[in-house]
PDB file of N, CA and C in Angstrom:
ATOM      1  N   MET A   1     139.854  45.272 109.234  1.00  0.00           N
ATOM      2  CA  MET A   1     140.373  44.967 108.116  1.00  0.00           C
ATOM      3  C   MET A   1     140.093  45.625 106.816  1.00  0.00           C
ATOM      4  N   GLU A   2     141.141  46.098 106.023  1.00  0.00           N
ATOM      5  CA  GLU A   2     140.948  46.830 105.112  1.00  0.00           C
ATOM      6  C   GLU A   2     140.528  45.789 103.706  1.00  0.00           C
ATOM      7  N   LEU A   3     139.536  45.988 103.061  1.00  0.00           N
ATOM      8  CA  LEU A   3     139.237  45.071 101.959  1.00  0.00           C
ATOM      9  C   LEU A   3     139.539  45.518 100.630  1.00  0.00           C
ATOM     10  N   GLY A   4     139.932  46.967 100.678  1.00  0.00           N
ATOM     11  CA  GLY A   4     140.133  47.512  99.413  1.00  0.00           C
ATOM     12  C   GLY A   4     138.854  48.154  98.466  1.00  0.00           C
ATOM     13  N   ALA A   5     138.962  48.672  97.318  1.00  0.00           N
ATOM     14  CA  ALA A   5     137.743  49.111  96.598  1.00  0.00           C
ATOM     15  C   ALA A   5     136.892  48.227  96.492  1.00  0.00           C
ATOM     16  N   PHE A   6     135.412  48.767  96.621  1.00  0.00           N
ATOM     17  CA  PHE A   6     134.332  47.971  96.415  1.00  0.00           C
ATOM     18  C   PHE A   6     133.513  48.200  95.211  1.00  0.00           C
ATOM     19  N   SER A   7     133.046  47.173  94.590  1.00  0.00           N
ATOM     20  CA  SER A   7     132.081  47.335  93.394  1.00  0.00           C
ATOM     21  C   SER A   7     130.924  46.252  93.659  1.00  0.00           C
ATOM     22  N   ILE A   8     130.028  46.312  92.791  1.00  0.00           N
ATOM     23  CA  ILE A   8     129.068  45.268  92.552  1.00  0.00           C
ATOM     24  C   ILE A   8     129.182  44.712  91.133  1.00  0.00           C
ATOM     25  N   SER A   9     129.638  43.425  90.815  1.00  0.00           N
ATOM     26  CA  SER A   9     129.817  42.640  89.615  1.00  0.00           C
ATOM     27  C   SER A   9     128.523  42.088  89.132  1.00  0.00           C
ATOM     28  N   LEU A  10     128.070  42.730  88.044  1.00  0.00           N
ATOM     29  CA  LEU A  10     126.691  42.394  87.654  1.00  0.00           C
ATOM     30  C   LEU A  10     126.685  41.228  86.476  1.00  0.00           C
ATOM     31  N   ALA A  11     126.416  40.006  86.495  1.00  0.00           N
ATOM     32  CA  ALA A  11     126.345  39.248  85.495  1.00  0.00           C
ATOM     33  C   ALA A  11     125.200  39.649  84.575  1.00  0.00           C
ATOM     34  N   VAL A  12     125.582  40.044  83.407  1.00  0.00           N
ATOM     35  CA  VAL A  12     124.701  40.505  82.414  1.00  0.00           C
ATOM     36  C   VAL A  12     124.397  39.687  81.070  1.00  0.00           C
ATOM     37  N   LYS A  13     123.189  39.752  80.591  1.00  0.00           N
ATOM     38  CA  LYS A  13     122.899  38.923  79.438  1.00  0.00           C
ATOM     39  C   LYS A  13     123.306  39.497  78.189  1.00  0.00           C
ATOM     40  N   ASP A  14     123.498  40.881  78.098  1.00  0.00           N
ATOM     41  CA  ASP A  14     123.631  41.667  77.039  1.00  0.00           C
ATOM     42  C   ASP A  14     124.484  42.879  77.341  1.00  0.00           C
ATOM     43  N   LEU A  15     125.753  43.033  76.930  1.00  0.00           N
ATOM     44  CA  LEU A  15     126.923  43.794  77.581  1.00  0.00           C
ATOM     45  C   LEU A  15     126.189  45.428  77.061  1.00  0.00           C
ATOM     46  N   ALA A  16     126.193  45.408  75.914  1.00  0.00           N
ATOM     47  CA  ALA A  16     125.592  46.732  75.111  1.00  0.00           C
ATOM     48  C   ALA A  16     124.431  47.302  75.740  1.00  0.00           C
ATOM     49  N   ALA A  17     123.445  46.368  75.929  1.00  0.00           N
ATOM     50  CA  ALA A  17     122.093  46.811  76.323  1.00  0.00           C
ATOM     51  C   ALA A  17     122.290  47.205  78.036  1.00  0.00           C
ATOM     52  N   SER A  18     123.025  46.450  78.800  1.00  0.00           N
ATOM     53  CA  SER A  18     123.242  46.892  80.077  1.00  0.00           C
ATOM     54  C   SER A  18     123.963  48.145  80.113  1.00  0.00           C
ATOM     55  N   ARG A  19     125.119  48.331  79.476  1.00  0.00           N
ATOM     56  CA  ARG A  19     125.793  49.626  79.354  1.00  0.00           C
ATOM     57  C   ARG A  19     124.922  50.832  79.159  1.00  0.00           C
ATOM     58  N   ALA A  20     124.069  50.902  77.941  1.00  0.00           N
ATOM     59  CA  ALA A  20     123.171  51.832  77.768  1.00  0.00           C
ATOM     60  C   ALA A  20     122.215  52.042  78.789  1.00  0.00           C
ATOM     61  N   PHE A  21     121.522  51.017  79.543  1.00  0.00           N
ATOM     62  CA  PHE A  21     120.777  51.159  80.692  1.00  0.00           C
ATOM     63  C   PHE A  21     121.573  52.027  81.692  1.00  0.00           C
ATOM     64  N   TYR A  22     122.712  51.570  82.240  1.00  0.00           N
ATOM     65  CA  TYR A  22     123.328  52.342  83.171  1.00  0.00           C
ATOM     66  C   TYR A  22     123.926  53.748  82.968  1.00  0.00           C
ATOM     67  N   GLU A  23     124.090  53.844  81.695  1.00  0.00           N
ATOM     68  CA  GLU A  23     124.491  55.134  81.253  1.00  0.00           C
ATOM     69  C   GLU A  23     123.279  56.178  81.501  1.00  0.00           C
ATOM     70  N   LYS A  24     122.167  55.675  81.160  1.00  0.00           N
ATOM     71  CA  LYS A  24     120.617  56.436  81.410  1.00  0.00           C
ATOM     72  C   LYS A  24     120.753  56.984  82.916  1.00  0.00           C
ATOM     73  N   LEU A  25     121.466  56.052  83.802  1.00  0.00           N
ATOM     74  CA  LEU A  25     121.243  56.323  85.327  1.00  0.00           C
ATOM     75  C   LEU A  25     122.403  57.189  85.654  1.00  0.00           C
ATOM     76  N   GLY A  26     123.118  57.705  84.710  1.00  0.00           N
ATOM     77  CA  GLY A  26     124.394  58.512  85.010  1.00  0.00           C
ATOM     78  C   GLY A  26     125.625  57.790  85.134  1.00  0.00           C
ATOM     79  N   PHE A  27     125.837  56.601  84.939  1.00  0.00           N
ATOM     80  CA  PHE A  27     127.101  55.759  84.820  1.00  0.00           C
ATOM     81  C   PHE A  27     127.943  56.156  83.579  1.00  0.00           C
ATOM     82  N   SER A  28     129.157  56.089  83.689  1.00  0.00           N
ATOM     83  CA  SER A  28     129.958  56.227  82.430  1.00  0.00           C
ATOM     84  C   SER A  28     131.100  55.022  82.468  1.00  0.00           C
ATOM     85  N   VAL A  29     131.686  54.610  81.459  1.00  0.00           N
ATOM     86  CA  VAL A  29     132.487  53.574  81.438  1.00  0.00           C
ATOM     87  C   VAL A  29     134.033  54.271  81.829  1.00  0.00           C
ATOM     88  N   PHE A  30     134.650  53.697  82.707  1.00  0.00           N
ATOM     89  CA  PHE A  30     136.150  54.051  83.162  1.00  0.00           C
ATOM     90  C   PHE A  30     137.061  53.076  82.800  1.00  0.00           C
ATOM     91  N   GLY A  31     136.720  51.718  82.585  1.00  0.00           N
ATOM     92  CA  GLY A  31     137.807  50.530  82.486  1.00  0.00           C
ATOM     93  C   GLY A  31     137.141  49.481  82.124  1.00  0.00           C
ATOM     94  N   GLY A  32     137.888  48.549  81.841  1.00  0.00           N
ATOM     95  CA  GLY A  32     137.317  47.241  81.133  1.00  0.00           C
ATOM     96  C   GLY A  32     137.407  47.335  79.788  1.00  0.00           C
ATOM     97  N   ASP A  33     137.080  46.107  79.073  1.00  0.00           N
ATOM     98  CA  ASP A  33     137.203  45.989  77.366  1.00  0.00           C
ATOM     99  C   ASP A  33     136.078  45.227  77.141  1.00  0.00           C
ATOM    100  N   ALA A  34     135.157  46.028  76.287  1.00  0.00           N
ATOM    101  CA  ALA A  34     133.769  45.513  75.934  1.00  0.00           C
ATOM    102  C   ALA A  34     134.076  44.188  74.691  1.00  0.00           C
ATOM    103  N   ALA A  35     135.177  44.239  74.118  1.00  0.00           N
ATOM    104  CA  ALA A  35     135.606  43.097  73.297  1.00  0.00           C
ATOM    105  C   ALA A  35     135.986  41.826  74.188  1.00  0.00           C
ATOM    106  N   GLN A  36     136.368  42.075  75.392  1.00  0.00           N
ATOM    107  CA  GLN A  36     136.528  40.693  76.362  1.00  0.00           C
ATOM    108  C   GLN A  36     135.285  40.607  77.119  1.00  0.00           C
ATOM    109  N   ASN A  37     134.225  41.283  77.102  1.00  0.00           N
ATOM    110  CA  ASN A  37     132.807  40.949  77.537  1.00  0.00           C
ATOM    111  C   ASN A  37     132.854  41.760  78.878  1.00  0.00           C
ATOM    112  N   TRP A  38     133.597  42.761  79.320  1.00  0.00           N
ATOM    113  CA  TRP A  38     133.330  43.288  80.607  1.00  0.00           C
ATOM    114  C   TRP A  38     133.589  44.859  80.618  1.00  0.00           C
ATOM    115  N   LEU A  39     133.064  45.878  81.372  1.00  0.00           N
ATOM    116  CA  LEU A  39     133.179  46.988  81.514  1.00  0.00           C
ATOM    117  C   LEU A  39     133.004  47.426  82.990  1.00  0.00           C
ATOM    118  N   MET A  40     133.831  48.315  83.305  1.00  0.00           N
ATOM    119  CA  MET A  40     133.698  48.820  84.733  1.00  0.00           C
ATOM    120  C   MET A  40     133.036  50.437  84.515  1.00  0.00           C
ATOM    121  N   MET A  41     131.982  50.683  85.282  1.00  0.00           N
ATOM    122  CA  MET A  41     131.426  51.904  85.203  1.00  0.00           C
ATOM    123  C   MET A  41     131.260  52.573  86.537  1.00  0.00           C
ATOM    124  N   ARG A  42     131.180  54.111  86.591  1.00  0.00           N
ATOM    125  CA  ARG A  42     130.994  54.805  87.667  1.00  0.00           C
ATOM    126  C   ARG A  42     130.266  55.930  87.506  1.00  0.00           C
ATOM    127  N   ASN A  43     129.589  56.132  88.632  1.00  0.00           N
ATOM    128  CA  ASN A  43     128.457  57.266  88.846  1.00  0.00           C
ATOM    129  C   ASN A  43     129.047  57.997  90.400  1.00  0.00           C
ATOM    130  N   GLY A  44     129.857  58.895  90.194  1.00  0.00           N
ATOM    131  CA  GLY A  44     130.471  59.568  91.516  1.00  0.00           C
ATOM    132  C   GLY A  44     131.171  58.392  92.299  1.00  0.00           C
ATOM    133  N   ASP A  45     131.015  58.129  93.493  1.00  0.00           N
ATOM    134  CA  ASP A  45     131.438  57.194  94.163  1.00  0.00           C
ATOM    135  C   ASP A  45     131.194  55.924  94.189  1.00  0.00           C
ATOM    136  N   TYR A  46     130.012  55.651  93.043  1.00  0.00           N
ATOM    137  CA  TYR A  46     129.505  54.155  92.973  1.00  0.00           C
ATOM    138  C   TYR A  46     130.285  53.770  91.881  1.00  0.00           C
ATOM    139  N   VAL A  47     130.499  52.361  92.020  1.00  0.00           N
ATOM    140  CA  VAL A  47     131.151  51.445  90.859  1.00  0.00           C
ATOM    141  C   VAL A  47     130.448  50.338  90.718  1.00  0.00           C
ATOM    142  N   ILE A  48     130.140  49.849  89.494  1.00  0.00           N
ATOM    143  CA  ILE A  48     129.750  48.813  89.058  1.00  0.00           C
ATOM    144  C   ILE A  48     130.348  48.291  87.932  1.00  0.00           C
ATOM    145  N   GLY A  49     130.582  46.582  88.128  1.00  0.00           N
ATOM    146  CA  GLY A  49     131.090  46.044  86.749  1.00  0.00           C
ATOM    147  C   GLY A  49     130.170  45.465  85.869  1.00  0.00           C
ATOM    148  N   LEU A  50     130.301  45.354  84.739  1.00  0.00           N
ATOM    149  CA  LEU A  50     129.164  44.634  83.913  1.00  0.00           C
ATOM    150  C   LEU A  50     129.976  43.407  83.348  1.00  0.00           C
ATOM    151  N   PHE A  51     129.646  42.352  83.348  1.00  0.00           N
ATOM    152  CA  PHE A  51     130.351  41.121  83.022  1.00  0.00           C
ATOM    153  C   PHE A  51     129.380  40.106  82.292  1.00  0.00           C
ATOM    154  N   HIS A  52     129.562  39.764  80.909  1.00  0.00           N
ATOM    155  CA  HIS A  52     128.715  38.955  80.143  1.00  0.00           C
ATOM    156  C   HIS A  52     129.492  37.534  80.129  1.00  0.00           C
ATOM    157  N   GLY A  53     128.739  36.343  80.571  1.00  0.00           N
ATOM    158  CA  GLY A  53     129.523  35.229  80.289  1.00  0.00           C
ATOM    159  C   GLY A  53     130.688  34.893  81.340  1.00  0.00           C
ATOM    160  N   MET A  54     130.986  35.716  82.326  1.00  0.00           N
ATOM    161  CA  MET A  54     131.935  35.359  83.201  1.00  0.00           C
ATOM    162  C   MET A  54     131.561  34.931  84.554  1.00  0.00           C
ATOM    163  N   PHE A  55     130.229  35.337  85.087  1.00  0.00           N
ATOM    164  CA  PHE A  55     129.789  34.747  86.332  1.00  0.00           C
ATOM    165  C   PHE A  55     128.507  34.147  86.112  1.00  0.00           C
ATOM    166  N   GLU A  56     128.049  33.192  86.986  1.00  0.00           N
ATOM    167  CA  GLU A  56     126.508  33.016  86.740  1.00  0.00           C
ATOM    168  C   GLU A  56     125.630  33.802  87.567  1.00  0.00           C
ATOM    169  N   ALA A  57     125.996  34.566  88.572  1.00  0.00           N
ATOM    170  CA  ALA A  57     125.193  35.412  89.358  1.00  0.00           C
ATOM    171  C   ALA A  57     125.928  36.702  89.600  1.00  0.00           C
ATOM    172  N   ASN A  58     125.222  37.804  90.355  1.00  0.00           N
ATOM    173  CA  ASN A  58     126.044  38.880  90.746  1.00  0.00           C
ATOM    174  C   ASN A  58     126.733  38.631  91.924  1.00  0.00           C
ATOM    175  N   LEU A  59     128.208  39.474  92.047  1.00  0.00           N
ATOM    176  CA  LEU A  59     128.907  39.260  93.033  1.00  0.00           C
ATOM    177  C   LEU A  59     129.118  40.647  93.634  1.00  0.00           C
ATOM    178  N   LEU A  60     129.280  40.546  95.105  1.00  0.00           N
ATOM    179  CA  LEU A  60     129.970  41.857  96.005  1.00  0.00           C
ATOM    180  C   LEU A  60     131.443  41.639  95.676  1.00  0.00           C
ATOM    181  N   THR A  61     132.018  42.609  95.167  1.00  0.00           N
ATOM    182  CA  THR A  61     133.464  42.553  94.744  1.00  0.00           C
ATOM    183  C   THR A  61     134.476  43.468  95.737  1.00  0.00           C
ATOM    184  N   PHE A  62     135.525  43.150  96.342  1.00  0.00           N
ATOM    185  CA  PHE A  62     136.478  43.806  96.866  1.00  0.00           C
ATOM    186  C   PHE A  62     137.840  43.638  96.093  1.00  0.00           C
ATOM    187  N   ASN A  63     138.546  44.783  95.996  1.00  0.00           N
ATOM    188  CA  ASN A  63     139.662  44.648  95.436  1.00  0.00           C
ATOM    189  C   ASN A  63     140.921  45.225  96.354  1.00  0.00           C
ATOM    190  N   PRO A  64     141.666  44.241  97.136  1.00  0.00           N
ATOM    191  CA  PRO A  64     142.760  44.955  98.198  1.00  0.00           C
ATOM    192  C   PRO A  64     143.775  45.536  97.144  1.00  0.00           C
ATOM    193  N   GLY A  65     144.621  46.431  97.404  1.00  0.00           N
ATOM    194  CA  GLY A  65     145.537  47.180  96.641  1.00  0.00           C
ATOM    195  C   GLY A  65     145.147  48.392  95.772  1.00  0.00           C
ATOM    196  N   TRP A  66     143.721  48.508  95.716  1.00  0.00           N
ATOM    197  CA  TRP A  66     143.142  49.434  94.855  1.00  0.00           C
ATOM    198  C   TRP A  66     142.348  50.587  95.606  1.00  0.00           C
ATOM    199  N   ASP A  67     142.384  51.828  95.053  1.00  0.00           N
ATOM    200  CA  ASP A  67     141.598  52.831  95.409  1.00  0.00           C
ATOM    201  C   ASP A  67     140.112  52.656  94.750  1.00  0.00           C
ATOM    202  N   SER A  68     139.311  53.681  94.923  1.00  0.00           N
ATOM    203  CA  SER A  68     138.154  53.471  94.287  1.00  0.00           C
ATOM    204  C   SER A  68     138.213  53.831  92.579  1.00  0.00           C
ATOM    205  N   ASN A  69     139.363  54.344  92.578  1.00  0.00           N
ATOM    206  CA  ASN A  69     139.499  54.621  90.816  1.00  0.00           C
ATOM    207  C   ASN A  69     140.590  53.618  90.243  1.00  0.00           C
ATOM    208  N   ALA A  70     140.561  52.485  90.880  1.00  0.00           N
ATOM    209  CA  ALA A  70     141.527  51.376  90.272  1.00  0.00           C
ATOM    210  C   ALA A  70     143.000  51.829  90.408  1.00  0.00           C
ATOM    211  N   ASN A  71     143.355  52.726  90.995  1.00  0.00           N
ATOM    212  CA  ASN A  71     144.746  53.148  91.199  1.00  0.00           C
ATOM    213  C   ASN A  71     145.444  52.192  92.361  1.00  0.00           C
ATOM    214  N   LYS A  72     146.625  51.734  92.101  1.00  0.00           N
ATOM    215  CA  LYS A  72     147.292  50.963  93.189  1.00  0.00           C
ATOM    216  C   LYS A  72     147.643  51.795  94.308  1.00  0.00           C
ATOM    217  N   LEU A  73     147.528  51.079  95.575  1.00  0.00           N
ATOM    218  CA  LEU A  73     147.809  51.698  96.787  1.00  0.00           C
ATOM    219  C   LEU A  73     149.247  51.390  97.317  1.00  0.00           C
ATOM    220  N   THR A  74     149.879  52.289  97.845  1.00  0.00           N
ATOM    221  CA  THR A  74     151.166  51.903  98.306  1.00  0.00           C
ATOM    222  C   THR A  74     151.045  51.107  99.350  1.00  0.00           C
ATOM    223  N   GLU A  75     150.135  51.150 100.154  1.00  0.00           N
ATOM    224  CA  GLU A  75     150.048  50.405 101.499  1.00  0.00           C
ATOM    225  C   GLU A  75     148.629  49.500 101.378  1.00  0.00           C
ATOM    226  N   PHE A  76     148.500  48.347 101.617  1.00  0.00           N
ATOM    227  CA  PHE A  76     147.182  47.633 101.562  1.00  0.00           C
ATOM    228  C   PHE A  76     147.337  46.129 102.406  1.00  0.00           C
ATOM    229  N   THR A  77     146.337  45.724 102.744  1.00  0.00           N
ATOM    230  CA  THR A  77     146.408  44.479 103.389  1.00  0.00           C
ATOM    231  C   THR A  77     146.186  43.491 102.180  1.00  0.00           C
ATOM    232  N   ASP A  78     147.256  42.477 102.136  1.00  0.00           N
ATOM    233  CA  ASP A  78     147.228  41.626 101.146  1.00  0.00           C
ATOM    234  C   ASP A  78     146.235  40.552 101.162  1.00  0.00           C
ATOM    235  N   VAL A  79     145.797  40.043  99.984  1.00  0.00           N
ATOM    236  CA  VAL A  79     144.376  39.304 100.030  1.00  0.00           C
ATOM    237  C   VAL A  79     144.762  38.036 100.674  1.00  0.00           C
ATOM    238  N   ARG A  80     145.847  37.485 100.977  1.00  0.00           N
ATOM    239  CA  ARG A  80     146.090  36.186 101.724  1.00  0.00           C
ATOM    240  C   ARG A  80     146.135  36.485 103.051  1.00  0.00           C
ATOM    241  N   GLU A  81     146.517  37.588 103.345  1.00  0.00           N
ATOM    242  CA  GLU A  81     146.354  37.986 105.033  1.00  0.00           C
ATOM    243  C   GLU A  81     144.875  38.142 105.391  1.00  0.00           C
ATOM    244  N   ILE A  82     144.027  38.786 104.447  1.00  0.00           N
ATOM    245  CA  ILE A  82     142.764  38.704 104.658  1.00  0.00           C
ATOM    246  C   ILE A  82     142.077  37.352 104.700  1.00  0.00           C
ATOM    247  N   GLN A  83     142.599  36.529 103.918  1.00  0.00           N
ATOM    248  CA  GLN A  83     141.888  34.970 104.015  1.00  0.00           C
ATOM    249  C   GLN A  83     142.501  34.388 105.396  1.00  0.00           C
ATOM    250  N   ARG A  84     143.804  34.622 105.827  1.00  0.00           N
ATOM    251  CA  ARG A  84     144.203  33.958 106.916  1.00  0.00           C
ATOM    252  C   ARG A  84     143.422  34.505 108.303  1.00  0.00           C
ATOM    253  N   ARG A  85     143.365  35.608 108.025  1.00  0.00           N
ATOM    254  CA  ARG A  85     142.385  36.322 109.206  1.00  0.00           C
ATOM    255  C   ARG A  85     140.688  35.764 109.052  1.00  0.00           C
ATOM    256  N   LEU A  86     140.136  35.692 108.119  1.00  0.00           N
ATOM    257  CA  LEU A  86     138.922  34.996 108.120  1.00  0.00           C
ATOM    258  C   LEU A  86     138.803  33.691 108.419  1.00  0.00           C
ATOM    259  N   LYS A  87     139.863  32.899 107.875  1.00  0.00           N
ATOM    260  CA  LYS A  87     139.905  31.462 108.366  1.00  0.00           C
ATOM    261  C   LYS A  87     140.056  31.378 109.846  1.00  0.00           C
ATOM    262  N   ALA A  88     141.028  32.133 110.473  1.00  0.00           N
ATOM    263  CA  ALA A  88     140.950  32.112 111.990  1.00  0.00           C
ATOM    264  C   ALA A  88     139.540  32.643 112.624  1.00  0.00           C
ATOM    265  N   GLN A  89     138.783  32.967 112.044  1.00  0.00           N
ATOM    266  CA  GLN A  89     137.358  33.514 112.551  1.00  0.00           C
ATOM    267  C   GLN A  89     136.381  32.198 112.013  1.00  0.00           C
ATOM    268  N   GLY A  90     136.867  31.312 111.484  1.00  0.00           N
ATOM    269  CA  GLY A  90     135.846  30.168 111.048  1.00  0.00           C
ATOM    270  C   GLY A  90     135.074  30.309 109.688  1.00  0.00           C
ATOM    271  N   VAL A  91     135.465  31.237 108.906  1.00  0.00           N
ATOM    272  CA  VAL A  91     134.864  31.491 107.674  1.00  0.00           C
ATOM    273  C   VAL A  91     135.171  30.463 106.765  1.00  0.00           C
ATOM    274  N   VAL A  92     134.073  29.913 106.123  1.00  0.00           N
ATOM    275  CA  VAL A  92     134.264  28.881 105.090  1.00  0.00           C
ATOM    276  C   VAL A  92     134.485  29.573 103.520  1.00  0.00           C
ATOM    277  N   PHE A  93     135.335  28.960 102.960  1.00  0.00           N
ATOM    278  CA  PHE A  93     135.524  29.399 101.548  1.00  0.00           C
ATOM    279  C   PHE A  93     135.079  28.533 100.275  1.00  0.00           C
ATOM    280  N   GLU A  94     134.661  29.365  99.328  1.00  0.00           N
ATOM    281  CA  GLU A  94     134.442  28.535  98.162  1.00  0.00           C
ATOM    282  C   GLU A  94     135.701  28.287  97.241  1.00  0.00           C
ATOM    283  N   SER A  95     136.538  29.257  97.007  1.00  0.00           N
ATOM    284  CA  SER A  95     137.633  28.941  96.572  1.00  0.00           C
ATOM    285  C   SER A  95     138.747  29.664  97.529  1.00  0.00           C
ATOM    286  N   GLU A  96     139.917  29.530  97.539  1.00  0.00           N
ATOM    287  CA  GLU A  96     140.989  29.998  98.132  1.00  0.00           C
ATOM    288  C   GLU A  96     142.187  30.726  97.322  1.00  0.00           C
ATOM    289  N   ALA A  97     142.873  31.803  97.829  1.00  0.00           N
ATOM    290  CA  ALA A  97     144.180  32.076  97.317  1.00  0.00           C
ATOM    291  C   ALA A  97     145.224  31.310  97.666  1.00  0.00           C
ATOM    292  N   ASP A  98     146.228  31.002  96.928  1.00  0.00           N
ATOM    293  CA  ASP A  98     147.288  30.397  97.176  1.00  0.00           C
ATOM    294  C   ASP A  98     148.222  31.042  98.028  1.00  0.00           C
ATOM    295  N   GLU A  99     148.424  30.663  99.216  1.00  0.00           N
ATOM    296  CA  GLU A  99     149.213  31.484 100.254  1.00  0.00           C
ATOM    297  C   GLU A  99     150.701  31.199 100.279  1.00  0.00           C
ATOM    298  N   SER A 100     151.014  30.373  99.217  1.00  0.00           N
ATOM    299  CA  SER A 100     152.577  30.302  99.039  1.00  0.00           C
ATOM    300  C   SER A 100     152.996  31.298  97.825  1.00  0.00           C
ATOM    301  N   THR A 101     151.807  32.241  97.180  1.00  0.00           N
ATOM    302  CA  THR A 101     152.395  33.208  96.178  1.00  0.00           C
ATOM    303  C   THR A 101     152.369  34.329  96.654  1.00  0.00           C
ATOM    304  N   THR A 102     152.643  35.437  95.743  1.00  0.00           N
ATOM    305  CA  THR A 102     152.675  36.863  96.270  1.00  0.00           C
ATOM    306  C   THR A 102     152.058  37.431  94.857  1.00  0.00           C
ATOM    307  N   GLY A 103     151.425  38.801  94.980  1.00  0.00           N
ATOM    308  CA  GLY A 103     150.922  39.373  93.832  1.00  0.00           C
ATOM    309  C   GLY A 103     149.446  38.963  93.867  1.00  0.00           C
ATOM    310  N   PRO A 104     148.939  39.056  92.570  1.00  0.00           N
ATOM    311  CA  PRO A 104     147.675  38.931  92.194  1.00  0.00           C
ATOM    312  C   PRO A 104     147.106  37.398  92.702  1.00  0.00           C
ATOM    313  N   ALA A 105     145.829  37.546  93.160  1.00  0.00           N
ATOM    314  CA  ALA A 105     145.143  36.315  93.833  1.00  0.00           C
ATOM    315  C   ALA A 105     143.776  36.737  94.224  1.00  0.00           C
ATOM    316  N   HIS A 106     143.076  35.637  94.526  1.00  0.00           N
ATOM    317  CA  HIS A 106     141.644  35.961  94.926  1.00  0.00           C
ATOM    318  C   HIS A 106     141.173  34.878  95.657  1.00  0.00           C
ATOM    319  N   PHE A 107     140.110  35.136  96.516  1.00  0.00           N
ATOM    320  CA  PHE A 107     139.292  33.912  97.145  1.00  0.00           C
ATOM    321  C   PHE A 107     137.899  34.617  96.962  1.00  0.00           C
ATOM    322  N   VAL A 108     136.906  33.338  97.229  1.00  0.00           N
ATOM    323  CA  VAL A 108     135.374  33.639  97.327  1.00  0.00           C
ATOM    324  C   VAL A 108     134.841  32.996  98.327  1.00  0.00           C
ATOM    325  N   VAL A 109     134.025  33.743  99.035  1.00  0.00           N
ATOM    326  CA  VAL A 109     133.274  33.141 100.349  1.00  0.00           C
ATOM    327  C   VAL A 109     131.765  33.542 100.027  1.00  0.00           C
ATOM    328  N   VAL A 110     130.896  32.884 100.671  1.00  0.00           N
ATOM    329  CA  VAL A 110     129.471  33.173 100.420  1.00  0.00           C
ATOM    330  C   VAL A 110     128.989  33.521 101.875  1.00  0.00           C
ATOM    331  N   ASP A 111     128.209  34.540 101.867  1.00  0.00           N
ATOM    332  CA  ASP A 111     127.432  34.805 103.246  1.00  0.00           C
ATOM    333  C   ASP A 111     126.334  33.936 103.518  1.00  0.00           C
ATOM    334  N   PRO A 112     125.753  34.199 104.751  1.00  0.00           N
ATOM    335  CA  PRO A 112     124.648  33.377 105.410  1.00  0.00           C
ATOM    336  C   PRO A 112     123.465  33.350 104.476  1.00  0.00           C
ATOM    337  N   ASP A 113     123.216  34.313 103.693  1.00  0.00           N
ATOM    338  CA  ASP A 113     122.087  34.647 102.813  1.00  0.00           C
ATOM    339  C   ASP A 113     122.359  34.103 101.223  1.00  0.00           C
ATOM    340  N   GLY A 114     123.552  33.566 101.077  1.00  0.00           N
ATOM    341  CA  GLY A 114     123.761  32.905  99.642  1.00  0.00           C
ATOM    342  C   GLY A 114     124.527  33.934  98.695  1.00  0.00           C
ATOM    343  N   ASN A 115     124.824  35.264  99.353  1.00  0.00           N
ATOM    344  CA  ASN A 115     125.314  36.371  98.400  1.00  0.00           C
ATOM    345  C   ASN A 115     127.026  35.908  98.242  1.00  0.00           C
ATOM    346  N   THR A 116     127.309  35.949  97.082  1.00  0.00           N
ATOM    347  CA  THR A 116     128.780  35.312  96.829  1.00  0.00           C
ATOM    348  C   THR A 116     129.726  36.782  96.947  1.00  0.00           C
ATOM    349  N   ILE A 117     130.625  36.565  97.643  1.00  0.00           N
ATOM    350  CA  ILE A 117     131.712  37.796  97.620  1.00  0.00           C
ATOM    351  C   ILE A 117     133.114  37.397  97.190  1.00  0.00           C
ATOM    352  N   LEU A 118     133.615  38.198  96.240  1.00  0.00           N
ATOM    353  CA  LEU A 118     134.856  37.973  95.633  1.00  0.00           C
ATOM    354  C   LEU A 118     135.755  38.831  96.168  1.00  0.00           C
ATOM    355  N   VAL A 119     136.939  38.494  96.673  1.00  0.00           N
ATOM    356  CA  VAL A 119     137.931  39.369  96.943  1.00  0.00           C
ATOM    357  C   VAL A 119     139.131  39.202  96.151  1.00  0.00           C
ATOM    358  N   ASP A 120     139.255  40.101  95.201  1.00  0.00           N
ATOM    359  CA  ASP A 120     140.355  39.894  93.973  1.00  0.00           C
ATOM    360  C   ASP A 120     141.169  40.888  94.107  1.00  0.00           C
ATOM    361  N   GLN A 121     142.553  40.629  94.270  1.00  0.00           N
ATOM    362  CA  GLN A 121     143.646  41.536  93.823  1.00  0.00           C
ATOM    363  C   GLN A 121     144.250  41.422  92.740  1.00  0.00           C
ATOM    364  N   HIS A 122     144.560  42.590  92.236  1.00  0.00           N
ATOM    365  CA  HIS A 122     145.145  42.642  90.805  1.00  0.00           C
ATOM    366  C   HIS A 122     146.608  43.055  91.086  1.00  0.00           C
ATOM    367  N   VAL A 123     147.125  43.520  92.151  1.00  0.00           N
ATOM    368  CA  VAL A 123     148.458  43.954  92.312  1.00  0.00           C
ATOM    369  C   VAL A 123     149.437  43.116  93.163  1.00  0.00           C
TER     370      VAL A 123
END
């Protein structure tokens, strides 16, 4: 099952301070909007998102329909199909995508250790 682009979404207390810290580690901003309290940063193949006031805790994030540069893919597994496959395997959902829709949607699951996983399709 192809989940799409992967990143770590960090819940940060101070967006500017976090940006400065990760820039020291070699990350640079390639997306997002500081005025809306979020930035996407890259260091080679590694991607992190910095989010102030949007999440309570850090998330593992997958984006069906995007490559690692947030470019739209021509072929991908829709988030609703991924959700159906996981449900068939008994995975419990914190929130679900509306399977009667098309286009952007998301769902949230939590792994056995309490790590939150967001599968967030933007296309």
